[in-house]
Amino acid sequence: MPFETKKTTLIAAALLTVEDAELLLEWLLKHPRGRLDLAACTHLHAANLQVLMAAQPQIAAWPRDATLAAWLQTALT
């Protein structure tokens, strides 16, 4: 399971594949004020990045991997 939910926060798994982009988009559309926890994420497919760039969700936690966090922060802010 690539995601876990806690109230209004979607918690991502370590690896987000191309197949996970549709699940991510559906959740973000259903929860427009929802938050995304990427702390455990170590890799995400570009399709997920496109969803994040389009939806511009609030990020509750950036990846613990400093390089990935910096890359995503640059792309999403």
Protein backbone atom coordinates (compact mmCIF):
# COMPACT_ATOMS: atom_id res chain seq x y z
CA MET A 1 0.00 0.00 0.00
CA PRO A 2 1.64 3.24 -1.11
CA PHE A 3 -0.40 5.48 1.21
CA GLU A 4 -1.81 5.55 4.70
CA THR A 5 -4.39 8.10 5.80
CA LYS A 6 -4.79 9.82 9.14
CA LYS A 7 -7.71 12.25 9.27
CA THR A 8 -6.74 14.92 6.72
CA THR A 9 -3.17 13.77 6.11
CA LEU A 10 -2.03 11.34 3.42
CA ILE A 11 1.19 9.56 4.42
CA ALA A 12 3.31 8.36 1.51
CA ALA A 13 5.33 5.15 1.45
CA ALA A 14 9.02 5.02 0.57
CA LEU A 15 8.45 4.40 -3.13
CA LEU A 16 5.72 6.05 -5.22
CA THR A 17 5.36 4.43 -8.64
CA VAL A 18 3.58 5.60 -11.77
CA GLU A 19 0.52 3.58 -10.71
CA ASP A 20 0.32 5.54 -7.45
CA ALA A 21 -0.17 8.87 -9.22
CA GLU A 22 -3.84 8.15 -9.89
CA LEU A 23 -4.47 7.30 -6.22
CA LEU A 24 -2.65 10.46 -5.17
CA LEU A 25 -4.69 12.61 -7.55
CA GLU A 26 -7.99 11.07 -6.44
CA TRP A 27 -7.21 11.66 -2.76
CA LEU A 28 -6.10 15.24 -3.35
CA LEU A 29 -9.26 15.98 -5.34
CA LYS A 30 -11.44 14.56 -2.55
CA HIS A 31 -9.44 16.41 0.12
CA PRO A 32 -8.52 19.82 -1.33
CA ARG A 33 -7.31 21.01 2.09
CA GLY A 34 -5.58 17.73 2.85
CA ARG A 35 -1.94 17.56 3.82
CA LEU A 36 0.74 15.26 2.43
CA ASP A 37 3.41 13.62 4.57
CA LEU A 38 6.41 12.66 2.43
CA ALA A 39 8.81 11.92 5.31
CA ALA A 40 9.27 8.24 4.39
CA CYS A 41 9.44 8.86 0.64
CA THR A 42 12.77 7.96 -0.95
CA HIS A 43 11.69 8.00 -4.61
CA LEU A 44 8.70 9.15 -6.60
CA HIS A 45 7.88 8.69 -10.25
CA ALA A 46 7.59 11.86 -12.34
CA ALA A 47 3.83 11.27 -12.69
CA ASN A 48 3.49 11.87 -8.94
CA LEU A 49 5.53 15.04 -9.24
CA GLN A 50 3.18 16.27 -11.96
CA VAL A 51 0.18 15.62 -9.71
CA LEU A 52 1.86 17.52 -6.87
CA MET A 53 2.77 20.43 -9.12
CA ALA A 54 -0.81 20.69 -10.41
CA ALA A 55 -2.60 20.20 -7.08
CA GLN A 56 -0.17 22.20 -4.94
CA PRO A 57 -1.08 20.43 -1.70
CA GLN A 58 0.12 21.50 1.72
CA ILE A 59 3.19 19.42 2.62
CA ALA A 60 3.04 18.28 6.24
CA ALA A 61 6.52 16.70 6.13
CA TRP A 62 9.21 16.74 3.47
CA PRO A 63 11.26 13.60 2.74
CA ARG A 64 13.92 12.74 5.31
CA ASP A 65 16.33 12.25 2.41
CA ALA A 66 17.89 15.70 2.18
CA THR A 67 18.59 15.55 -1.55
CA LEU A 68 15.04 14.50 -2.43
CA ALA A 69 13.60 17.07 -0.03
CA ALA A 70 15.63 19.89 -1.57
CA TRP A 71 14.70 18.80 -5.08
CA LEU A 72 10.98 18.63 -4.24
CA GLN A 73 11.00 21.92 -2.33
CA THR A 74 12.51 23.62 -5.35
CA ALA A 75 9.96 22.08 -7.70
CA LEU A 76 6.91 22.67 -5.49
CA THR A 77 7.51 26.07 -3.89
